[in-house]
Structures are given as C-alpha cells and as structure tokens.
Amino acid sequence: MTGRDRGSVSVETAILAPAFLALVALAGVAGRTAVAHEAIEVAAHDAARAASISRTAPDGRDAARAAVADRLAAEGLSCSGEPTLVLAGSMNGEDADFEDVYASGLGTDASVVVTVTCDVPVRDLRMPLLSGMRTFTTVEATFASPLDRYRGRSLR
C-alpha cells in the first residue's frame, strides 16, 4: 500500500455506509407496505362480503366495520389511528348510495363497494440520517361484493 492510498478504505466506508443503511431502511418500508397492502385487501374483501350478506344498511355497516377490525387484528396490522372505511354501492352498473342498495327491489343487480384506508406506521424503520422520511405510508384497497338478487332486504 502506498502512502497516498492510506485511509482510502475508511473514506469509502464512510461514504458507502449511509447509502447502504438507507437502502436497508427503504427495503424495510417496501416490505412492510407490501404486507400491509395484502392485509388491507383481505380486510376490504371481508368487509364487502360481510356487508353484502346483511339484510339492512345499518347491519351491513356494522358487519363491515367488525370484519375490518377482526381481519386487521388477525393479520397483526396496526394503523396510525383508526382505519378509514368508506361504504358505497352500485345498482345496475351505476354508482349508488350505500343505503339505496338495500332499498332496491328484488331482482335488482346491486353490489356493496367497500374501500379501506390505513396509515401504516414506519417510524421505527426511520433513520436519523433520513429526517425527511415520512413516519407512515398510506395503503388503500377497494372491493365490491354483489347482493343476492332474490334475498329480502329492508331499510330498517
């Protein structure tokens, strides 16, 4: 090793180590986001299915909320705050209000559409060197489930 090469490994390490650590943090955030997205998709599916087999809009709303809470607990996913649940519907291919879906007559092509949004915390993956990194990432999934055309419904 010549005199002018002395310490070059230390300099290279000092330059590359933060970049490597940032890459590890990015991989952690990407992994957590992928796992969270899968859990949110399953929660939206469960919520839409639970709402679609309910006979009334209030029962459907309660069933959807319970399904989301149960699924996220089973998956071990915690949101920064409560997950957001948006309930909508469609009748004969047109957008409709959630309550109107349950008021539709027998034989009507109606579906319940559920969107679940969760802010997944990534604060524990954040590095002091990356002070501009967000402390959460938002994950959203939507799922539609048809109501049985010939099953009784009511507004109750």
C-alpha atoms as a PDB file:
ATOM      1  CA  MET A   1       0.000   0.000   0.000  1.00  0.00           C
ATOM      2  CA  THR A   2       1.487   3.329  -0.960  1.00  0.00           C
ATOM      3  CA  GLY A   3       1.335   6.417   1.196  1.00  0.00           C
ATOM      4  CA  ARG A   4      -1.335   8.103  -0.876  1.00  0.00           C
ATOM      5  CA  ASP A   5      -3.689   5.076  -0.618  1.00  0.00           C
ATOM      6  CA  ARG A   6      -3.647   5.037   3.182  1.00  0.00           C
ATOM      7  CA  GLY A   7      -7.080   5.582   4.708  1.00  0.00           C
ATOM      8  CA  SER A   8      -8.930   5.168   1.418  1.00  0.00           C
ATOM      9  CA  VAL A   9     -10.900   2.196   2.793  1.00  0.00           C
ATOM     10  CA  SER A  10     -12.080   4.315   5.719  1.00  0.00           C
ATOM     11  CA  VAL A  11     -13.223   7.071   3.383  1.00  0.00           C
ATOM     12  CA  GLU A  12     -15.009   4.598   1.116  1.00  0.00           C
ATOM     13  CA  THR A  13     -16.741   3.036   4.115  1.00  0.00           C
ATOM     14  CA  ALA A  14     -17.764   6.446   5.443  1.00  0.00           C
ATOM     15  CA  ILE A  15     -19.316   7.273   2.084  1.00  0.00           C
ATOM     16  CA  LEU A  16     -20.984   3.924   1.358  1.00  0.00           C
ATOM     17  CA  ALA A  17     -22.276   3.010   4.843  1.00  0.00           C
ATOM     18  CA  PRO A  18     -25.044   5.668   4.961  1.00  0.00           C
ATOM     19  CA  ALA A  19     -26.153   4.739   1.443  1.00  0.00           C
ATOM     20  CA  PHE A  20     -26.296   1.068   2.415  1.00  0.00           C
ATOM     21  CA  LEU A  21     -28.269   1.850   5.591  1.00  0.00           C
ATOM     22  CA  ALA A  22     -30.699   3.993   3.591  1.00  0.00           C
ATOM     23  CA  LEU A  23     -31.182   1.092   1.178  1.00  0.00           C
ATOM     24  CA  VAL A  24     -31.902  -1.259   4.101  1.00  0.00           C
ATOM     25  CA  ALA A  25     -34.456   1.221   5.501  1.00  0.00           C
ATOM     26  CA  LEU A  26     -36.096   1.514   2.068  1.00  0.00           C
ATOM     27  CA  ALA A  27     -36.317  -2.281   1.803  1.00  0.00           C
ATOM     28  CA  GLY A  28     -37.946  -2.399   5.248  1.00  0.00           C
ATOM     29  CA  VAL A  29     -40.537   0.207   4.277  1.00  0.00           C
ATOM     30  CA  ALA A  30     -41.255  -1.567   0.978  1.00  0.00           C
ATOM     31  CA  GLY A  31     -41.673  -4.900   2.762  1.00  0.00           C
ATOM     32  CA  ARG A  32     -43.971  -3.508   5.422  1.00  0.00           C
ATOM     33  CA  THR A  33     -46.032  -1.713   2.768  1.00  0.00           C
ATOM     34  CA  ALA A  34     -46.428  -4.920   0.735  1.00  0.00           C
ATOM     35  CA  VAL A  35     -47.542  -6.921   3.778  1.00  0.00           C
ATOM     36  CA  ALA A  36     -49.906  -4.124   4.831  1.00  0.00           C
ATOM     37  CA  HIS A  37     -51.404  -3.863   1.336  1.00  0.00           C
ATOM     38  CA  GLU A  38     -52.179  -7.579   1.342  1.00  0.00           C
ATOM     39  CA  ALA A  39     -53.838  -7.294   4.774  1.00  0.00           C
ATOM     40  CA  ILE A  40     -55.884  -4.253   3.703  1.00  0.00           C
ATOM     41  CA  GLU A  41     -57.030  -6.024   0.516  1.00  0.00           C
ATOM     42  CA  VAL A  42     -58.219  -9.011   2.538  1.00  0.00           C
ATOM     43  CA  ALA A  43     -59.912  -6.678   5.052  1.00  0.00           C
ATOM     44  CA  ALA A  44     -61.757  -4.879   2.223  1.00  0.00           C
ATOM     45  CA  HIS A  45     -62.845  -8.234   0.788  1.00  0.00           C
ATOM     46  CA  ASP A  46     -64.090  -9.464   4.175  1.00  0.00           C
ATOM     47  CA  ALA A  47     -65.900  -6.188   4.850  1.00  0.00           C
ATOM     48  CA  ALA A  48     -67.644  -6.165   1.464  1.00  0.00           C
ATOM     49  CA  ARG A  49     -68.697  -9.779   1.862  1.00  0.00           C
ATOM     50  CA  ALA A  50     -69.983  -9.205   5.408  1.00  0.00           C
ATOM     51  CA  ALA A  51     -71.947  -6.148   4.287  1.00  0.00           C
ATOM     52  CA  SER A  52     -73.390  -7.898   1.231  1.00  0.00           C
ATOM     53  CA  ILE A  53     -74.927 -10.745   3.244  1.00  0.00           C
ATOM     54  CA  SER A  54     -76.606  -8.346   5.678  1.00  0.00           C
ATOM     55  CA  ARG A  55     -80.277  -7.571   5.136  1.00  0.00           C
ATOM     56  CA  THR A  56     -80.207  -3.910   6.198  1.00  0.00           C
ATOM     57  CA  ALA A  57     -77.838  -0.987   5.675  1.00  0.00           C
ATOM     58  CA  PRO A  58     -77.167  -0.462   9.427  1.00  0.00           C
ATOM     59  CA  ASP A  59     -76.438  -4.170   9.861  1.00  0.00           C
ATOM     60  CA  GLY A  60     -74.214  -4.090   6.774  1.00  0.00           C
ATOM     61  CA  ARG A  61     -72.301  -1.086   8.084  1.00  0.00           C
ATOM     62  CA  ASP A  62     -71.758  -2.752  11.479  1.00  0.00           C
ATOM     63  CA  ALA A  63     -70.753  -6.053   9.881  1.00  0.00           C
ATOM     64  CA  ALA A  64     -68.247  -4.313   7.595  1.00  0.00           C
ATOM     65  CA  ARG A  65     -66.628  -2.421  10.485  1.00  0.00           C
ATOM     66  CA  ALA A  66     -66.392  -5.593  12.565  1.00  0.00           C
ATOM     67  CA  ALA A  67     -64.915  -7.540   9.638  1.00  0.00           C
ATOM     68  CA  VAL A  68     -62.202  -4.921   9.094  1.00  0.00           C
ATOM     69  CA  ALA A  69     -61.306  -4.821  12.791  1.00  0.00           C
ATOM     70  CA  ASP A  70     -61.226  -8.622  13.028  1.00  0.00           C
ATOM     71  CA  ARG A  71     -59.102  -9.057   9.897  1.00  0.00           C
ATOM     72  CA  LEU A  72     -56.559  -6.385  10.824  1.00  0.00           C
ATOM     73  CA  ALA A  73     -56.252  -7.883  14.313  1.00  0.00           C
ATOM     74  CA  ALA A  74     -55.779 -11.364  12.830  1.00  0.00           C
ATOM     75  CA  GLU A  75     -53.115 -10.058  10.437  1.00  0.00           C
ATOM     76  CA  GLY A  76     -51.373  -8.167  13.253  1.00  0.00           C
ATOM     77  CA  LEU A  77     -51.584  -4.878  11.363  1.00  0.00           C
ATOM     78  CA  SER A  78     -51.994  -1.663  13.291  1.00  0.00           C
ATOM     79  CA  CYS A  79     -52.855   1.621  11.650  1.00  0.00           C
ATOM     80  CA  SER A  80     -51.819   5.079  12.838  1.00  0.00           C
ATOM     81  CA  GLY A  81     -55.278   5.777  14.217  1.00  0.00           C
ATOM     82  CA  GLU A  82     -58.441   4.037  13.080  1.00  0.00           C
ATOM     83  CA  PRO A  83     -58.636   2.619   9.560  1.00  0.00           C
ATOM     84  CA  THR A  84     -60.957   4.580   7.288  1.00  0.00           C
ATOM     85  CA  LEU A  85     -63.926   2.649   5.922  1.00  0.00           C
ATOM     86  CA  VAL A  86     -65.926   4.078   3.000  1.00  0.00           C
ATOM     87  CA  LEU A  87     -69.130   2.253   2.103  1.00  0.00           C
ATOM     88  CA  ALA A  88     -70.796   2.780  -1.256  1.00  0.00           C
ATOM     89  CA  GLY A  89     -72.802   0.750  -3.699  1.00  0.00           C
ATOM     90  CA  SER A  90     -73.827   0.210  -7.271  1.00  0.00           C
ATOM     91  CA  MET A  91     -77.132  -0.723  -8.865  1.00  0.00           C
ATOM     92  CA  ASN A  92     -77.431  -1.911 -12.452  1.00  0.00           C
ATOM     93  CA  GLY A  93     -73.872  -0.727 -13.132  1.00  0.00           C
ATOM     94  CA  GLU A  94     -74.447   2.806 -11.801  1.00  0.00           C
ATOM     95  CA  ASP A  95     -72.934   4.269  -8.629  1.00  0.00           C
ATOM     96  CA  ALA A  96     -75.411   4.345  -5.759  1.00  0.00           C
ATOM     97  CA  ASP A  97     -75.594   5.314  -2.119  1.00  0.00           C
ATOM     98  CA  PHE A  98     -74.929   2.523   0.380  1.00  0.00           C
ATOM     99  CA  GLU A  99     -78.426   2.793   1.910  1.00  0.00           C
ATOM    100  CA  ASP A 100     -80.109   2.863  -1.519  1.00  0.00           C
ATOM    101  CA  VAL A 101     -78.588  -0.520  -2.368  1.00  0.00           C
ATOM    102  CA  TYR A 102     -80.510  -2.128   0.482  1.00  0.00           C
ATOM    103  CA  ALA A 103     -83.708  -0.335  -0.540  1.00  0.00           C
ATOM    104  CA  SER A 104     -83.528  -1.727  -4.076  1.00  0.00           C
ATOM    105  CA  GLY A 105     -86.200  -4.164  -5.138  1.00  0.00           C
ATOM    106  CA  LEU A 106     -85.832  -7.878  -5.552  1.00  0.00           C
ATOM    107  CA  GLY A 107     -84.124  -8.836  -8.794  1.00  0.00           C
ATOM    108  CA  THR A 108     -82.069  -5.634  -8.913  1.00  0.00           C
ATOM    109  CA  ASP A 109     -78.403  -6.063  -9.780  1.00  0.00           C
ATOM    110  CA  ALA A 110     -76.855  -4.420  -6.688  1.00  0.00           C
ATOM    111  CA  SER A 111     -73.398  -4.500  -5.116  1.00  0.00           C
ATOM    112  CA  VAL A 112     -71.740  -3.183  -1.986  1.00  0.00           C
ATOM    113  CA  VAL A 113     -68.413  -1.402  -2.546  1.00  0.00           C
ATOM    114  CA  VAL A 114     -66.030  -1.068   0.404  1.00  0.00           C
ATOM    115  CA  THR A 115     -62.831   0.976   0.476  1.00  0.00           C
ATOM    116  CA  VAL A 116     -60.449   0.547   3.409  1.00  0.00           C
ATOM    117  CA  THR A 117     -57.617   3.025   4.009  1.00  0.00           C
ATOM    118  CA  CYS A 118     -54.912   2.613   6.634  1.00  0.00           C
ATOM    119  CA  ASP A 119     -51.912   4.762   7.531  1.00  0.00           C
ATOM    120  CA  VAL A 120     -49.257   2.148   8.310  1.00  0.00           C
ATOM    121  CA  PRO A 121     -46.582   3.371  10.741  1.00  0.00           C
ATOM    122  CA  VAL A 122     -42.965   3.126   9.585  1.00  0.00           C
ATOM    123  CA  ARG A 123     -41.470   5.387  12.256  1.00  0.00           C
ATOM    124  CA  ASP A 124     -39.462   2.501  13.740  1.00  0.00           C
ATOM    125  CA  LEU A 125     -37.763   1.964  10.363  1.00  0.00           C
ATOM    126  CA  ARG A 126     -36.804   5.615  10.004  1.00  0.00           C
ATOM    127  CA  MET A 127     -33.161   6.534  10.362  1.00  0.00           C
ATOM    128  CA  PRO A 128     -31.888   9.763  11.950  1.00  0.00           C
ATOM    129  CA  LEU A 129     -29.934  10.461   8.768  1.00  0.00           C
ATOM    130  CA  LEU A 130     -33.187  10.430   6.777  1.00  0.00           C
ATOM    131  CA  SER A 131     -35.026  13.110   8.704  1.00  0.00           C
ATOM    132  CA  GLY A 132     -37.302  13.885   5.750  1.00  0.00           C
ATOM    133  CA  MET A 133     -38.676  10.338   5.620  1.00  0.00           C
ATOM    134  CA  ARG A 134     -42.398  10.007   6.342  1.00  0.00           C
ATOM    135  CA  THR A 135     -43.444   8.292   9.565  1.00  0.00           C
ATOM    136  CA  PHE A 136     -46.303   6.423   7.873  1.00  0.00           C
ATOM    137  CA  THR A 137     -47.358   5.152   4.483  1.00  0.00           C
ATOM    138  CA  THR A 138     -50.968   5.117   3.285  1.00  0.00           C
ATOM    139  CA  VAL A 139     -52.393   1.852   1.971  1.00  0.00           C
ATOM    140  CA  GLU A 140     -55.844   1.592   0.347  1.00  0.00           C
ATOM    141  CA  ALA A 141     -57.894  -1.224  -1.140  1.00  0.00           C
ATOM    142  CA  THR A 142     -61.392  -1.422  -2.639  1.00  0.00           C
ATOM    143  CA  PHE A 143     -63.580  -4.464  -3.110  1.00  0.00           C
ATOM    144  CA  ALA A 144     -67.133  -4.963  -4.378  1.00  0.00           C
ATOM    145  CA  SER A 145     -69.449  -7.802  -3.424  1.00  0.00           C
ATOM    146  CA  PRO A 146     -72.850  -8.415  -5.036  1.00  0.00           C
ATOM    147  CA  LEU A 147     -76.048  -8.664  -3.027  1.00  0.00           C
ATOM    148  CA  ASP A 148     -78.166 -11.732  -3.645  1.00  0.00           C
ATOM    149  CA  ARG A 149     -80.777 -10.575  -6.193  1.00  0.00           C
ATOM    150  CA  TYR A 150     -83.583 -12.552  -4.638  1.00  0.00           C
ATOM    151  CA  ARG A 151     -82.839 -12.226  -0.944  1.00  0.00           C
ATOM    152  CA  GLY A 152     -85.119  -9.964   1.054  1.00  0.00           C
ATOM    153  CA  ARG A 153     -83.818  -6.516   2.042  1.00  0.00           C
ATOM    154  CA  SER A 154     -85.203  -3.745   4.179  1.00  0.00           C
ATOM    155  CA  LEU A 155     -84.349  -0.199   5.262  1.00  0.00           C
ATOM    156  CA  ARG A 156     -84.802  -0.843   8.981  1.00  0.00           C
END
